[in-house]
């Protein structure tokens, strides 16, 4: 097992988020809102794809009322490879594998975006490659 994707401790605060301590010594925090938005369920994947194409997409197309902020209503382990979280808005079909959670770690995603901006800035300063079209 890869220590980077093996949790050693989980702490779910239903109104705040999920904290995971990983086998490689790092700690990740995922807010409830972030976990709900990044659910690996098929319907949420389709919604994220739609939002990418059209940023004005209505996020809650069924008009479901949540009665307040979304919180975790419960959670259960799925084997030894994932966790499934039930949300107060009725969503509960996403199974968050440890590898997926590590992939969407907000701190790592922020680092990747920063590196991408640096690469883009560097590319803009670089001379054109031979044979490249302007």
Protein backbone atom coordinates (compact mmCIF):
# COMPACT_ATOMS: atom_id res chain seq x y z
CA UNK A 1 0.00 0.00 0.00
CA UNK A 2 1.13 3.50 -0.85
CA UNK A 3 1.49 5.62 2.33
CA UNK A 4 0.40 8.70 0.36
CA UNK A 5 -3.03 7.14 -0.18
CA UNK A 6 -3.33 5.19 3.06
CA UNK A 7 -5.13 7.04 5.86
CA UNK A 8 -3.96 6.50 9.42
CA UNK A 9 -6.66 8.63 11.08
CA UNK A 10 -10.04 10.06 9.99
CA UNK A 11 -11.97 12.79 11.79
CA UNK A 12 -15.36 13.83 10.38
CA UNK A 13 -16.96 16.92 11.87
CA UNK A 14 -20.42 16.82 10.33
CA UNK A 15 -20.79 20.60 10.10
CA UNK A 16 -17.17 21.43 9.17
CA UNK A 17 -15.36 18.76 7.21
CA UNK A 18 -13.18 15.69 7.02
CA UNK A 19 -9.59 15.65 8.26
CA UNK A 20 -7.38 12.80 7.11
CA UNK A 21 -3.92 11.98 8.40
CA UNK A 22 -2.05 10.02 5.72
CA UNK A 23 0.59 7.32 6.07
CA UNK A 24 3.24 9.63 4.61
CA UNK A 25 2.79 12.08 7.52
CA UNK A 26 0.71 14.72 5.74
CA UNK A 27 -2.73 15.91 6.81
CA UNK A 28 -5.57 16.96 4.50
CA UNK A 29 -8.74 18.89 5.30
CA UNK A 30 -11.85 18.79 3.09
CA UNK A 31 -14.76 21.09 3.93
CA UNK A 32 -18.24 19.56 3.71
CA UNK A 33 -19.13 21.95 0.89
CA UNK A 34 -16.02 20.94 -1.05
CA UNK A 35 -16.69 17.22 -0.54
CA UNK A 36 -20.28 17.65 -1.73
CA UNK A 37 -19.20 19.60 -4.83
CA UNK A 38 -16.41 17.12 -5.64
CA UNK A 39 -18.52 14.00 -5.10
CA UNK A 40 -17.28 11.23 -7.41
CA UNK A 41 -20.87 10.19 -8.21
CA UNK A 42 -21.87 10.09 -11.87
CA UNK A 43 -24.41 12.92 -11.54
CA UNK A 44 -21.86 15.25 -9.93
CA UNK A 45 -19.21 14.39 -12.54
CA UNK A 46 -21.71 15.35 -15.25
CA UNK A 47 -22.59 18.57 -13.43
CA UNK A 48 -18.90 19.55 -13.04
CA UNK A 49 -18.38 18.88 -16.78
CA UNK A 50 -21.40 21.05 -17.58
CA UNK A 51 -20.17 23.86 -15.33
CA UNK A 52 -16.78 23.72 -17.07
CA UNK A 53 -18.53 24.20 -20.43
CA UNK A 54 -21.06 26.73 -19.15
CA UNK A 55 -20.20 28.59 -15.92
CA UNK A 56 -23.81 29.83 -15.70
CA UNK A 57 -25.15 26.30 -15.20
CA UNK A 58 -27.77 26.07 -12.45
CA UNK A 59 -26.10 24.03 -9.73
CA UNK A 60 -29.24 22.62 -8.12
CA UNK A 61 -31.44 21.84 -11.13
CA UNK A 62 -34.03 19.91 -9.11
CA UNK A 63 -34.63 22.87 -6.82
CA UNK A 64 -34.18 20.77 -3.69
CA UNK A 65 -34.36 22.78 -0.50
CA UNK A 66 -31.73 21.86 2.04
CA UNK A 67 -33.13 23.89 4.91
CA UNK A 68 -29.74 25.49 5.55
CA UNK A 69 -26.10 24.73 4.93
CA UNK A 70 -25.27 21.24 3.71
CA UNK A 71 -23.76 19.06 6.44
CA UNK A 72 -22.67 15.45 6.61
CA UNK A 73 -25.60 13.42 7.89
CA UNK A 74 -23.49 10.29 8.25
CA UNK A 75 -20.64 8.28 6.76
CA UNK A 76 -19.53 4.70 6.42
CA UNK A 77 -16.38 2.91 5.40
CA UNK A 78 -16.46 1.08 2.06
CA UNK A 79 -14.12 -1.86 2.48
CA UNK A 80 -10.64 -0.64 3.28
CA UNK A 81 -10.36 1.62 0.24
CA UNK A 82 -13.00 4.36 0.57
CA UNK A 83 -15.61 6.28 2.54
CA UNK A 84 -19.20 7.08 1.56
CA UNK A 85 -20.71 10.25 2.97
CA UNK A 86 -24.43 10.99 3.28
CA UNK A 87 -25.22 14.71 3.00
CA UNK A 88 -28.16 16.59 4.48
CA UNK A 89 -29.45 17.45 0.98
CA UNK A 90 -30.09 13.75 0.33
CA UNK A 91 -26.97 13.06 -1.74
CA UNK A 92 -25.17 9.89 -0.70
CA UNK A 93 -24.10 8.00 -3.81
CA UNK A 94 -20.48 9.16 -4.02
CA UNK A 95 -17.80 6.73 -2.86
CA UNK A 96 -14.62 8.65 -2.06
CA UNK A 97 -11.64 6.34 -2.53
CA UNK A 98 -8.48 7.26 -0.63
CA UNK A 99 -6.68 7.81 -3.96
CA UNK A 100 -9.46 10.16 -5.14
CA UNK A 101 -9.39 12.12 -1.89
CA UNK A 102 -5.64 12.54 -2.17
CA UNK A 103 -6.04 13.64 -5.79
CA UNK A 104 -8.59 16.35 -4.88
CA UNK A 105 -6.79 17.50 -1.71
CA UNK A 106 -7.53 21.26 -1.68
CA UNK A 107 -3.99 22.15 -0.56
CA UNK A 108 -2.42 20.07 -3.34
CA UNK A 109 -4.89 21.48 -5.90
CA UNK A 110 -3.89 25.01 -4.85
CA UNK A 111 -0.19 24.12 -5.29
CA UNK A 112 -0.90 22.67 -8.76
CA UNK A 113 -2.78 25.83 -9.84
CA UNK A 114 0.12 27.97 -8.63
CA UNK A 115 2.63 25.82 -10.55
CA UNK A 116 0.46 26.01 -13.68
CA UNK A 117 0.39 29.83 -13.45
CA UNK A 118 4.17 29.88 -13.07
CA UNK A 119 4.57 27.56 -16.08
CA UNK A 120 2.23 29.73 -18.17
CA UNK A 121 4.14 32.88 -17.21
CA UNK A 122 7.43 31.15 -18.00
CA UNK A 123 6.10 29.95 -21.38
CA UNK A 124 5.03 33.50 -22.26
CA UNK A 125 8.61 34.74 -21.63
CA UNK A 126 10.26 31.90 -23.56
CA UNK A 127 11.45 32.45 -27.13
CA UNK A 128 9.38 30.73 -29.83
CA UNK A 129 10.34 27.16 -30.59
CA UNK A 130 11.83 26.51 -34.01
CA UNK A 131 9.06 25.66 -36.45
CA UNK A 132 6.32 26.89 -34.07
CA UNK A 133 3.63 28.98 -35.71
CA UNK A 134 2.92 32.39 -34.17
